[in-house]
PDB file of all heavy atoms in Angstrom:
ATOM      1  N   SER A   1      -5.713 -12.256 -10.228  1.00  0.00           N
ATOM      2  CA  SER A   1      -7.033 -12.859  -9.981  1.00  0.00           C
ATOM      3  C   SER A   1      -7.189 -13.238  -8.520  1.00  0.00           C
ATOM      4  O   SER A   1      -6.313 -13.867  -8.008  1.00  0.00           O
ATOM      5  CB  SER A   1      -7.290 -14.037 -10.866  1.00  0.00           C
ATOM      6  OG  SER A   1      -7.210 -13.715 -12.283  1.00  0.00           O
ATOM      7  N   TYR A   2      -8.261 -12.779  -7.949  1.00  0.00           N
ATOM      8  CA  TYR A   2      -8.414 -13.000  -6.465  1.00  0.00           C
ATOM      9  C   TYR A   2      -9.835 -13.005  -6.055  1.00  0.00           C
ATOM     10  O   TYR A   2     -10.803 -12.722  -6.876  1.00  0.00           O
ATOM     11  CB  TYR A   2      -7.642 -11.934  -5.664  1.00  0.00           C
ATOM     12  CG  TYR A   2      -8.396 -10.540  -5.742  1.00  0.00           C
ATOM     13  CD1 TYR A   2      -9.071 -10.124  -4.736  1.00  0.00           C
ATOM     14  CD2 TYR A   2      -8.134  -9.772  -6.915  1.00  0.00           C
ATOM     15  CE1 TYR A   2      -9.745  -8.861  -4.803  1.00  0.00           C
ATOM     16  CE2 TYR A   2      -8.757  -8.516  -6.947  1.00  0.00           C
ATOM     17  CZ  TYR A   2      -9.564  -8.081  -5.901  1.00  0.00           C
ATOM     18  OH  TYR A   2     -10.160  -6.806  -5.912  1.00  0.00           O
ATOM     19  N   ALA A   3     -10.099 -13.377  -4.800  1.00  0.00           N
ATOM     20  CA  ALA A   3     -11.446 -13.205  -4.220  1.00  0.00           C
ATOM     21  C   ALA A   3     -11.298 -12.604  -2.871  1.00  0.00           C
ATOM     22  O   ALA A   3     -10.295 -13.043  -2.174  1.00  0.00           O
ATOM     23  CB  ALA A   3     -12.190 -14.568  -4.132  1.00  0.00           C
ATOM     24  N   TRP A   4     -12.182 -11.749  -2.428  1.00  0.00           N
ATOM     25  CA  TRP A   4     -12.198 -11.327  -1.032  1.00  0.00           C
ATOM     26  C   TRP A   4     -12.651 -12.495  -0.175  1.00  0.00           C
ATOM     27  O   TRP A   4     -13.692 -13.153  -0.421  1.00  0.00           O
ATOM     28  CB  TRP A   4     -13.122 -10.193  -0.792  1.00  0.00           C
ATOM     29  CG  TRP A   4     -12.785  -8.955  -1.550  1.00  0.00           C
ATOM     30  CD1 TRP A   4     -13.539  -8.253  -2.479  1.00  0.00           C
ATOM     31  CD2 TRP A   4     -11.589  -8.132  -1.414  1.00  0.00           C
ATOM     32  NE1 TRP A   4     -12.957  -7.166  -2.941  1.00  0.00           N
ATOM     33  CE2 TRP A   4     -11.663  -7.087  -2.404  1.00  0.00           C
ATOM     34  CE3 TRP A   4     -10.317  -8.335  -0.701  1.00  0.00           C
ATOM     35  CZ2 TRP A   4     -10.616  -6.121  -2.474  1.00  0.00           C
ATOM     36  CZ3 TRP A   4      -9.345  -7.397  -0.870  1.00  0.00           C
ATOM     37  CH2 TRP A   4      -9.447  -6.288  -1.772  1.00  0.00           C
ATOM     38  N   THR A   5     -11.792 -12.864   0.781  1.00  0.00           N
ATOM     39  CA  THR A   5     -12.095 -14.070   1.545  1.00  0.00           C
ATOM     40  C   THR A   5     -13.439 -13.980   2.319  1.00  0.00           C
ATOM     41  O   THR A   5     -14.143 -14.885   2.463  1.00  0.00           O
ATOM     42  CB  THR A   5     -11.007 -14.252   2.655  1.00  0.00           C
ATOM     43  OG1 THR A   5      -9.710 -14.304   1.909  1.00  0.00           O
ATOM     44  CG2 THR A   5     -11.175 -15.526   3.447  1.00  0.00           C
ATOM     45  N   ASP A   6     -13.766 -12.732   2.809  1.00  0.00           N
ATOM     46  CA  ASP A   6     -15.005 -12.580   3.586  1.00  0.00           C
ATOM     47  C   ASP A   6     -16.128 -12.042   2.738  1.00  0.00           C
ATOM     48  O   ASP A   6     -17.154 -11.471   3.238  1.00  0.00           O
ATOM     49  CB  ASP A   6     -14.812 -11.617   4.762  1.00  0.00           C
ATOM     50  CG  ASP A   6     -14.051 -10.441   4.383  1.00  0.00           C
ATOM     51  OD1 ASP A   6     -13.660 -10.227   3.274  1.00  0.00           O
ATOM     52  OD2 ASP A   6     -13.794  -9.593   5.324  1.00  0.00           O
ATOM     53  N   GLU A   7     -16.068 -12.067   1.360  1.00  0.00           N
ATOM     54  CA  GLU A   7     -17.128 -11.620   0.531  1.00  0.00           C
ATOM     55  C   GLU A   7     -17.935 -12.799   0.042  1.00  0.00           C
ATOM     56  O   GLU A   7     -17.445 -13.846  -0.372  1.00  0.00           O
ATOM     57  CB  GLU A   7     -16.523 -10.878  -0.679  1.00  0.00           C
ATOM     58  CG  GLU A   7     -17.651 -10.308  -1.609  1.00  0.00           C
ATOM     59  CD  GLU A   7     -17.026  -9.473  -2.764  1.00  0.00           C
ATOM     60  OE1 GLU A   7     -16.108  -9.974  -3.409  1.00  0.00           O
ATOM     61  OE2 GLU A   7     -17.548  -8.382  -3.020  1.00  0.00           O
ATOM     62  N   LYS A   8     -19.227 -12.646   0.114  1.00  0.00           N
ATOM     63  CA  LYS A   8     -20.191 -13.603  -0.508  1.00  0.00           C
ATOM     64  C   LYS A   8     -21.008 -12.989  -1.597  1.00  0.00           C
ATOM     65  O   LYS A   8     -21.195 -11.816  -1.689  1.00  0.00           O
ATOM     66  CB  LYS A   8     -21.116 -14.210   0.587  1.00  0.00           C
ATOM     67  CG  LYS A   8     -20.416 -14.805   1.814  1.00  0.00           C
ATOM     68  CD  LYS A   8     -19.576 -16.053   1.344  1.00  0.00           C
ATOM     69  CE  LYS A   8     -18.893 -16.668   2.538  1.00  0.00           C
ATOM     70  NZ  LYS A   8     -18.019 -17.835   2.122  1.00  0.00           N
ATOM     71  N   VAL A   9     -21.434 -13.859  -2.497  1.00  0.00           N
ATOM     72  CA  VAL A   9     -22.259 -13.333  -3.586  1.00  0.00           C
ATOM     73  C   VAL A   9     -23.542 -12.681  -3.045  1.00  0.00           C
ATOM     74  O   VAL A   9     -23.967 -11.649  -3.636  1.00  0.00           O
ATOM     75  CB  VAL A   9     -22.672 -14.505  -4.516  1.00  0.00           C
ATOM     76  CG1 VAL A   9     -23.809 -14.122  -5.521  1.00  0.00           C
ATOM     77  CG2 VAL A   9     -21.442 -15.020  -5.399  1.00  0.00           C
ATOM     78  N   SER A  10     -24.005 -13.122  -1.936  1.00  0.00           N
ATOM     79  CA  SER A  10     -25.192 -12.626  -1.288  1.00  0.00           C
ATOM     80  C   SER A  10     -24.904 -11.315  -0.535  1.00  0.00           C
ATOM     81  O   SER A  10     -25.774 -10.634  -0.130  1.00  0.00           O
ATOM     82  CB  SER A  10     -25.844 -13.689  -0.375  1.00  0.00           C
ATOM     83  OG  SER A  10     -24.831 -14.008   0.594  1.00  0.00           O
ATOM     84  N   ALA A  11     -23.613 -11.063  -0.287  1.00  0.00           N
ATOM     85  CA  ALA A  11     -23.269  -9.881   0.510  1.00  0.00           C
ATOM     86  C   ALA A  11     -21.945  -9.241  -0.096  1.00  0.00           C
ATOM     87  O   ALA A  11     -20.873  -9.431   0.563  1.00  0.00           O
ATOM     88  CB  ALA A  11     -23.080 -10.213   1.951  1.00  0.00           C
ATOM     89  N   PRO A  12     -22.021  -8.543  -1.179  1.00  0.00           N
ATOM     90  CA  PRO A  12     -20.763  -7.945  -1.753  1.00  0.00           C
ATOM     91  C   PRO A  12     -20.143  -6.957  -0.859  1.00  0.00           C
ATOM     92  O   PRO A  12     -20.935  -6.189  -0.217  1.00  0.00           O
ATOM     93  CB  PRO A  12     -21.336  -7.373  -3.073  1.00  0.00           C
ATOM     94  CG  PRO A  12     -22.641  -7.978  -3.337  1.00  0.00           C
ATOM     95  CD  PRO A  12     -23.212  -8.322  -1.997  1.00  0.00           C
ATOM     96  N   ILE A  13     -18.854  -6.818  -0.900  1.00  0.00           N
ATOM     97  CA  ILE A  13     -18.095  -5.826  -0.053  1.00  0.00           C
ATOM     98  C   ILE A  13     -17.119  -5.104  -0.941  1.00  0.00           C
ATOM     99  O   ILE A  13     -16.507  -4.158  -0.462  1.00  0.00           O
ATOM    100  CB  ILE A  13     -17.367  -6.483   1.111  1.00  0.00           C
ATOM    101  CG1 ILE A  13     -16.301  -7.536   0.541  1.00  0.00           C
ATOM    102  CG2 ILE A  13     -18.307  -7.205   2.019  1.00  0.00           C
ATOM    103  CD1 ILE A  13     -15.421  -8.057   1.636  1.00  0.00           C
ATOM    104  N   HIS A  14     -17.001  -5.426  -2.213  1.00  0.00           N
ATOM    105  CA  HIS A  14     -15.992  -4.778  -3.036  1.00  0.00           C
ATOM    106  C   HIS A  14     -16.284  -3.283  -3.198  1.00  0.00           C
ATOM    107  O   HIS A  14     -17.452  -2.943  -3.373  1.00  0.00           O
ATOM    108  CB  HIS A  14     -15.915  -5.523  -4.411  1.00  0.00           C
ATOM    109  CG  HIS A  14     -14.917  -4.913  -5.314  1.00  0.00           C
ATOM    110  ND1 HIS A  14     -13.558  -5.259  -5.199  1.00  0.00           N
ATOM    111  CD2 HIS A  14     -14.956  -4.045  -6.415  1.00  0.00           C
ATOM    112  CE1 HIS A  14     -12.853  -4.653  -6.088  1.00  0.00           C
ATOM    113  NE2 HIS A  14     -13.704  -3.910  -6.877  1.00  0.00           N
ATOM    114  N   ASP A  15     -15.313  -2.492  -3.174  1.00  0.00           N
ATOM    115  CA  ASP A  15     -15.440  -1.088  -3.271  1.00  0.00           C
ATOM    116  C   ASP A  15     -14.570  -0.563  -4.393  1.00  0.00           C
ATOM    117  O   ASP A  15     -13.335  -0.567  -4.295  1.00  0.00           O
ATOM    118  CB  ASP A  15     -14.955  -0.429  -1.925  1.00  0.00           C
ATOM    119  CG  ASP A  15     -15.322   1.126  -1.862  1.00  0.00           C
ATOM    120  OD1 ASP A  15     -15.174   1.804  -2.883  1.00  0.00           O
ATOM    121  OD2 ASP A  15     -15.641   1.591  -0.723  1.00  0.00           O
ATOM    122  N   ASP A  16     -15.130  -0.095  -5.516  1.00  0.00           N
ATOM    123  CA  ASP A  16     -14.435   0.321  -6.662  1.00  0.00           C
ATOM    124  C   ASP A  16     -13.503   1.434  -6.382  1.00  0.00           C
ATOM    125  O   ASP A  16     -12.372   1.577  -6.807  1.00  0.00           O
ATOM    126  CB  ASP A  16     -15.298   0.694  -7.793  1.00  0.00           C
ATOM    127  CG  ASP A  16     -15.887  -0.550  -8.486  1.00  0.00           C
ATOM    128  OD1 ASP A  16     -15.212  -1.638  -8.401  1.00  0.00           O
ATOM    129  OD2 ASP A  16     -16.945  -0.480  -9.091  1.00  0.00           O
ATOM    130  N   LEU A  17     -13.986   2.380  -5.518  1.00  0.00           N
ATOM    131  CA  LEU A  17     -13.193   3.611  -5.225  1.00  0.00           C
ATOM    132  C   LEU A  17     -11.972   3.228  -4.416  1.00  0.00           C
ATOM    133  O   LEU A  17     -10.844   3.667  -4.698  1.00  0.00           O
ATOM    134  CB  LEU A  17     -14.040   4.610  -4.457  1.00  0.00           C
ATOM    135  CG  LEU A  17     -13.429   6.009  -4.255  1.00  0.00           C
ATOM    136  CD1 LEU A  17     -14.449   7.146  -4.331  1.00  0.00           C
ATOM    137  CD2 LEU A  17     -12.648   6.089  -2.932  1.00  0.00           C
ATOM    138  N   ARG A  18     -12.105   2.377  -3.347  1.00  0.00           N
ATOM    139  CA  ARG A  18     -10.954   1.937  -2.602  1.00  0.00           C
ATOM    140  C   ARG A  18      -9.958   1.254  -3.503  1.00  0.00           C
ATOM    141  O   ARG A  18      -8.743   1.430  -3.238  1.00  0.00           O
ATOM    142  CB  ARG A  18     -11.462   1.024  -1.462  1.00  0.00           C
ATOM    143  CG  ARG A  18     -12.257   1.648  -0.415  1.00  0.00           C
ATOM    144  CD  ARG A  18     -12.400   0.890   0.847  1.00  0.00           C
ATOM    145  NE  ARG A  18     -11.181   0.871   1.657  1.00  0.00           N
ATOM    146  CZ  ARG A  18     -11.029   0.198   2.814  1.00  0.00           C
ATOM    147  NH1 ARG A  18     -12.037  -0.585   3.264  1.00  0.00           N
ATOM    148  NH2 ARG A  18      -9.957   0.370   3.475  1.00  0.00           N
ATOM    149  N   SER A  19     -10.445   0.372  -4.406  1.00  0.00           N
ATOM    150  CA  SER A  19      -9.548  -0.292  -5.299  1.00  0.00           C
ATOM    151  C   SER A  19      -8.715   0.653  -6.194  1.00  0.00           C
ATOM    152  O   SER A  19      -7.549   0.608  -6.401  1.00  0.00           O
ATOM    153  CB  SER A  19     -10.316  -1.282  -6.161  1.00  0.00           C
ATOM    154  OG  SER A  19     -10.707  -2.372  -5.366  1.00  0.00           O
ATOM    155  N   GLY A  20      -9.492   1.667  -6.621  1.00  0.00           N
ATOM    156  CA  GLY A  20      -8.846   2.746  -7.473  1.00  0.00           C
ATOM    157  C   GLY A  20      -7.897   3.526  -6.714  1.00  0.00           C
ATOM    158  O   GLY A  20      -6.696   3.778  -7.228  1.00  0.00           O
ATOM    159  N   VAL A  21      -8.144   3.910  -5.461  1.00  0.00           N
ATOM    160  CA  VAL A  21      -7.135   4.640  -4.665  1.00  0.00           C
ATOM    161  C   VAL A  21      -5.897   3.757  -4.381  1.00  0.00           C
ATOM    162  O   VAL A  21      -4.716   4.226  -4.450  1.00  0.00           O
ATOM    163  CB  VAL A  21      -7.780   5.025  -3.339  1.00  0.00           C
ATOM    164  CG1 VAL A  21      -6.710   5.549  -2.355  1.00  0.00           C
ATOM    165  CG2 VAL A  21      -8.810   6.042  -3.582  1.00  0.00           C
ATOM    166  N   SER A  22      -6.135   2.458  -4.156  1.00  0.00           N
ATOM    167  CA  SER A  22      -5.025   1.534  -3.882  1.00  0.00           C
ATOM    168  C   SER A  22      -4.035   1.499  -5.115  1.00  0.00           C
ATOM    169  O   SER A  22      -2.921   1.468  -4.964  1.00  0.00           O
ATOM    170  CB  SER A  22      -5.576   0.111  -3.613  1.00  0.00           C
ATOM    171  OG  SER A  22      -4.538  -0.801  -3.457  1.00  0.00           O
ATOM    172  N   GLN A  23      -4.719   1.476  -6.287  1.00  0.00           N
ATOM    173  CA  GLN A  23      -3.959   1.385  -7.532  1.00  0.00           C
ATOM    174  C   GLN A  23      -3.202   2.702  -7.730  1.00  0.00           C
ATOM    175  O   GLN A  23      -1.976   2.702  -8.153  1.00  0.00           O
ATOM    176  CB  GLN A  23      -4.892   1.205  -8.702  1.00  0.00           C
ATOM    177  CG  GLN A  23      -4.275   0.719  -9.961  1.00  0.00           C
ATOM    178  CD  GLN A  23      -5.349   0.367 -10.991  1.00  0.00           C
ATOM    179  OE1 GLN A  23      -6.066   1.337 -11.471  1.00  0.00           O
ATOM    180  NE2 GLN A  23      -5.520  -0.851 -11.375  1.00  0.00           N
ATOM    181  N   TRP A  24      -3.863   3.814  -7.457  1.00  0.00           N
ATOM    182  CA  TRP A  24      -3.218   5.140  -7.571  1.00  0.00           C
ATOM    183  C   TRP A  24      -2.017   5.351  -6.706  1.00  0.00           C
ATOM    184  O   TRP A  24      -1.019   5.733  -7.143  1.00  0.00           O
ATOM    185  CB  TRP A  24      -4.321   6.235  -7.391  1.00  0.00           C
ATOM    186  CG  TRP A  24      -3.947   7.619  -7.786  1.00  0.00           C
ATOM    187  CD1 TRP A  24      -3.222   7.950  -8.910  1.00  0.00           C
ATOM    188  CD2 TRP A  24      -4.258   8.883  -7.142  1.00  0.00           C
ATOM    189  NE1 TRP A  24      -3.025   9.331  -8.926  1.00  0.00           N
ATOM    190  CE2 TRP A  24      -3.652   9.883  -7.888  1.00  0.00           C
ATOM    191  CE3 TRP A  24      -5.058   9.128  -5.964  1.00  0.00           C
ATOM    192  CZ2 TRP A  24      -3.852  11.227  -7.531  1.00  0.00           C
ATOM    193  CZ3 TRP A  24      -5.182  10.428  -5.602  1.00  0.00           C
ATOM    194  CH2 TRP A  24      -4.590  11.435  -6.405  1.00  0.00           C
ATOM    195  N   VAL A  25      -2.269   5.074  -5.442  1.00  0.00           N
ATOM    196  CA  VAL A  25      -1.176   5.202  -4.446  1.00  0.00           C
ATOM    197  C   VAL A  25      -0.030   4.274  -4.851  1.00  0.00           C
ATOM    198  O   VAL A  25       1.153   4.579  -4.738  1.00  0.00           O
ATOM    199  CB  VAL A  25      -1.628   4.898  -3.042  1.00  0.00           C
ATOM    200  CG1 VAL A  25      -0.509   4.825  -2.070  1.00  0.00           C
ATOM    201  CG2 VAL A  25      -2.662   5.922  -2.547  1.00  0.00           C
ATOM    202  N   GLY A  26      -0.419   3.129  -5.372  1.00  0.00           N
ATOM    203  CA  GLY A  26       0.575   2.138  -5.677  1.00  0.00           C
ATOM    204  C   GLY A  26       1.576   2.438  -6.779  1.00  0.00           C
ATOM    205  O   GLY A  26       2.636   1.815  -6.818  1.00  0.00           O
ATOM    206  N   TYR A  27       1.269   3.305  -7.647  1.00  0.00           N
ATOM    207  CA  TYR A  27       2.215   3.762  -8.645  1.00  0.00           C
ATOM    208  C   TYR A  27       2.946   5.049  -8.303  1.00  0.00           C
ATOM    209  O   TYR A  27       3.994   5.365  -8.754  1.00  0.00           O
ATOM    210  CB  TYR A  27       1.661   3.690 -10.058  1.00  0.00           C
ATOM    211  CG  TYR A  27       0.832   4.861 -10.475  1.00  0.00           C
ATOM    212  CD1 TYR A  27       1.350   6.042 -10.859  1.00  0.00           C
ATOM    213  CD2 TYR A  27      -0.575   4.712 -10.639  1.00  0.00           C
ATOM    214  CE1 TYR A  27       0.575   7.122 -11.348  1.00  0.00           C
ATOM    215  CE2 TYR A  27      -1.397   5.777 -11.073  1.00  0.00           C
ATOM    216  CZ  TYR A  27      -0.777   6.922 -11.434  1.00  0.00           C
ATOM    217  OH  TYR A  27      -1.596   7.954 -11.864  1.00  0.00           O
ATOM    218  N   LEU A  28       2.238   5.860  -7.468  1.00  0.00           N
ATOM    219  CA  LEU A  28       2.875   7.018  -6.979  1.00  0.00           C
ATOM    220  C   LEU A  28       4.001   6.784  -5.927  1.00  0.00           C
ATOM    221  O   LEU A  28       5.018   7.466  -5.941  1.00  0.00           O
ATOM    222  CB  LEU A  28       1.886   8.040  -6.415  1.00  0.00           C
ATOM    223  CG  LEU A  28       0.883   8.641  -7.442  1.00  0.00           C
ATOM    224  CD1 LEU A  28      -0.129   9.510  -6.660  1.00  0.00           C
ATOM    225  CD2 LEU A  28       1.559   9.515  -8.519  1.00  0.00           C
ATOM    226  N   ASP A  29       3.670   5.782  -5.138  1.00  0.00           N
ATOM    227  CA  ASP A  29       4.644   5.453  -3.956  1.00  0.00           C
ATOM    228  C   ASP A  29       5.795   4.679  -4.488  1.00  0.00           C
ATOM    229  O   ASP A  29       5.922   3.455  -4.304  1.00  0.00           O
ATOM    230  CB  ASP A  29       3.823   4.642  -2.918  1.00  0.00           C
ATOM    231  CG  ASP A  29       4.645   4.187  -1.811  1.00  0.00           C
ATOM    232  OD1 ASP A  29       5.656   4.826  -1.547  1.00  0.00           O
ATOM    233  OD2 ASP A  29       4.295   3.144  -1.191  1.00  0.00           O
ATOM    234  N   GLN A  30       6.748   5.349  -5.080  1.00  0.00           N
ATOM    235  CA  GLN A  30       7.912   4.659  -5.702  1.00  0.00           C
ATOM    236  C   GLN A  30       8.939   4.133  -4.690  1.00  0.00           C
ATOM    237  O   GLN A  30       9.735   3.251  -5.009  1.00  0.00           O
ATOM    238  CB  GLN A  30       8.592   5.593  -6.676  1.00  0.00           C
ATOM    239  CG  GLN A  30       7.714   5.822  -7.929  1.00  0.00           C
ATOM    240  CD  GLN A  30       7.536   4.579  -8.739  1.00  0.00           C
ATOM    241  OE1 GLN A  30       8.448   4.066  -9.317  1.00  0.00           O
ATOM    242  NE2 GLN A  30       6.313   4.084  -8.716  1.00  0.00           N
ATOM    243  N   ASN A  31       8.951   4.646  -3.418  1.00  0.00           N
ATOM    244  CA  ASN A  31       9.881   4.134  -2.453  1.00  0.00           C
ATOM    245  C   ASN A  31       9.273   3.023  -1.570  1.00  0.00           C
ATOM    246  O   ASN A  31       9.878   2.544  -0.616  1.00  0.00           O
ATOM    247  CB  ASN A  31      10.513   5.243  -1.601  1.00  0.00           C
ATOM    248  CG  ASN A  31       9.389   5.922  -0.728  1.00  0.00           C
ATOM    249  OD1 ASN A  31       8.263   5.515  -0.742  1.00  0.00           O
ATOM    250  ND2 ASN A  31       9.766   6.964  -0.001  1.00  0.00           N
ATOM    251  N   LEU A  32       8.025   2.711  -1.882  1.00  0.00           N
ATOM    252  CA  LEU A  32       7.347   1.502  -1.277  1.00  0.00           C
ATOM    253  C   LEU A  32       7.202   1.668   0.273  1.00  0.00           C
ATOM    254  O   LEU A  32       7.205   0.703   1.019  1.00  0.00           O
ATOM    255  CB  LEU A  32       8.023   0.232  -1.601  1.00  0.00           C
ATOM    256  CG  LEU A  32       8.199  -0.079  -3.051  1.00  0.00           C
ATOM    257  CD1 LEU A  32       8.810  -1.432  -3.255  1.00  0.00           C
ATOM    258  CD2 LEU A  32       6.842  -0.025  -3.772  1.00  0.00           C
ATOM    259  N   ASP A  33       7.016   2.915   0.766  1.00  0.00           N
ATOM    260  CA  ASP A  33       6.904   3.141   2.234  1.00  0.00           C
ATOM    261  C   ASP A  33       5.432   3.155   2.620  1.00  0.00           C
ATOM    262  O   ASP A  33       5.125   3.349   3.799  1.00  0.00           O
ATOM    263  CB  ASP A  33       7.613   4.377   2.674  1.00  0.00           C
ATOM    264  CG  ASP A  33       7.029   5.624   2.129  1.00  0.00           C
ATOM    265  OD1 ASP A  33       6.116   5.565   1.275  1.00  0.00           O
ATOM    266  OD2 ASP A  33       7.470   6.737   2.610  1.00  0.00           O
ATOM    267  N   GLY A  34       4.526   2.974   1.650  1.00  0.00           N
ATOM    268  CA  GLY A  34       3.101   2.839   1.977  1.00  0.00           C
ATOM    269  C   GLY A  34       2.405   4.185   2.005  1.00  0.00           C
ATOM    270  O   GLY A  34       1.230   4.256   2.427  1.00  0.00           O
ATOM    271  N   LYS A  35       3.056   5.240   1.519  1.00  0.00           N
ATOM    272  CA  LYS A  35       2.405   6.607   1.547  1.00  0.00           C
ATOM    273  C   LYS A  35       3.033   7.397   0.401  1.00  0.00           C
ATOM    274  O   LYS A  35       4.147   7.062  -0.078  1.00  0.00           O
ATOM    275  CB  LYS A  35       2.586   7.297   2.863  1.00  0.00           C
ATOM    276  CG  LYS A  35       4.061   7.438   3.283  1.00  0.00           C
ATOM    277  CD  LYS A  35       4.104   7.904   4.745  1.00  0.00           C
ATOM    278  CE  LYS A  35       5.579   7.922   5.223  1.00  0.00           C
ATOM    279  NZ  LYS A  35       5.683   8.283   6.687  1.00  0.00           N
ATOM    280  N   VAL A  36       2.336   8.488   0.020  1.00  0.00           N
ATOM    281  CA  VAL A  36       2.750   9.281  -1.096  1.00  0.00           C
ATOM    282  C   VAL A  36       3.387  10.583  -0.575  1.00  0.00           C
ATOM    283  O   VAL A  36       2.654  11.363   0.108  1.00  0.00           O
ATOM    284  CB  VAL A  36       1.649   9.653  -2.028  1.00  0.00           C
ATOM    285  CG1 VAL A  36       2.101  10.482  -3.212  1.00  0.00           C
ATOM    286  CG2 VAL A  36       0.981   8.345  -2.594  1.00  0.00           C
ATOM    287  N   GLN A  37       4.701  10.742  -0.787  1.00  0.00           N
ATOM    288  CA  GLN A  37       5.347  11.980  -0.387  1.00  0.00           C
ATOM    289  C   GLN A  37       5.049  13.111  -1.335  1.00  0.00           C
ATOM    290  O   GLN A  37       4.660  12.813  -2.444  1.00  0.00           O
ATOM    291  CB  GLN A  37       6.873  11.760  -0.357  1.00  0.00           C
ATOM    292  CG  GLN A  37       7.321  10.492   0.392  1.00  0.00           C
ATOM    293  CD  GLN A  37       7.196  10.613   1.871  1.00  0.00           C
ATOM    294  OE1 GLN A  37       7.054  11.724   2.392  1.00  0.00           O
ATOM    295  NE2 GLN A  37       7.193   9.370   2.535  1.00  0.00           N
TER     296      GLN A  37
END
């Protein structure tokens, strides 16, 4: 559970696609080097 520090209700910045990519890379990247080999 979190909130974007610089996000306001009046000015949303959340990006579903970016979150999805982050999640996808996050389980493929098993050596935790921040990229998918």
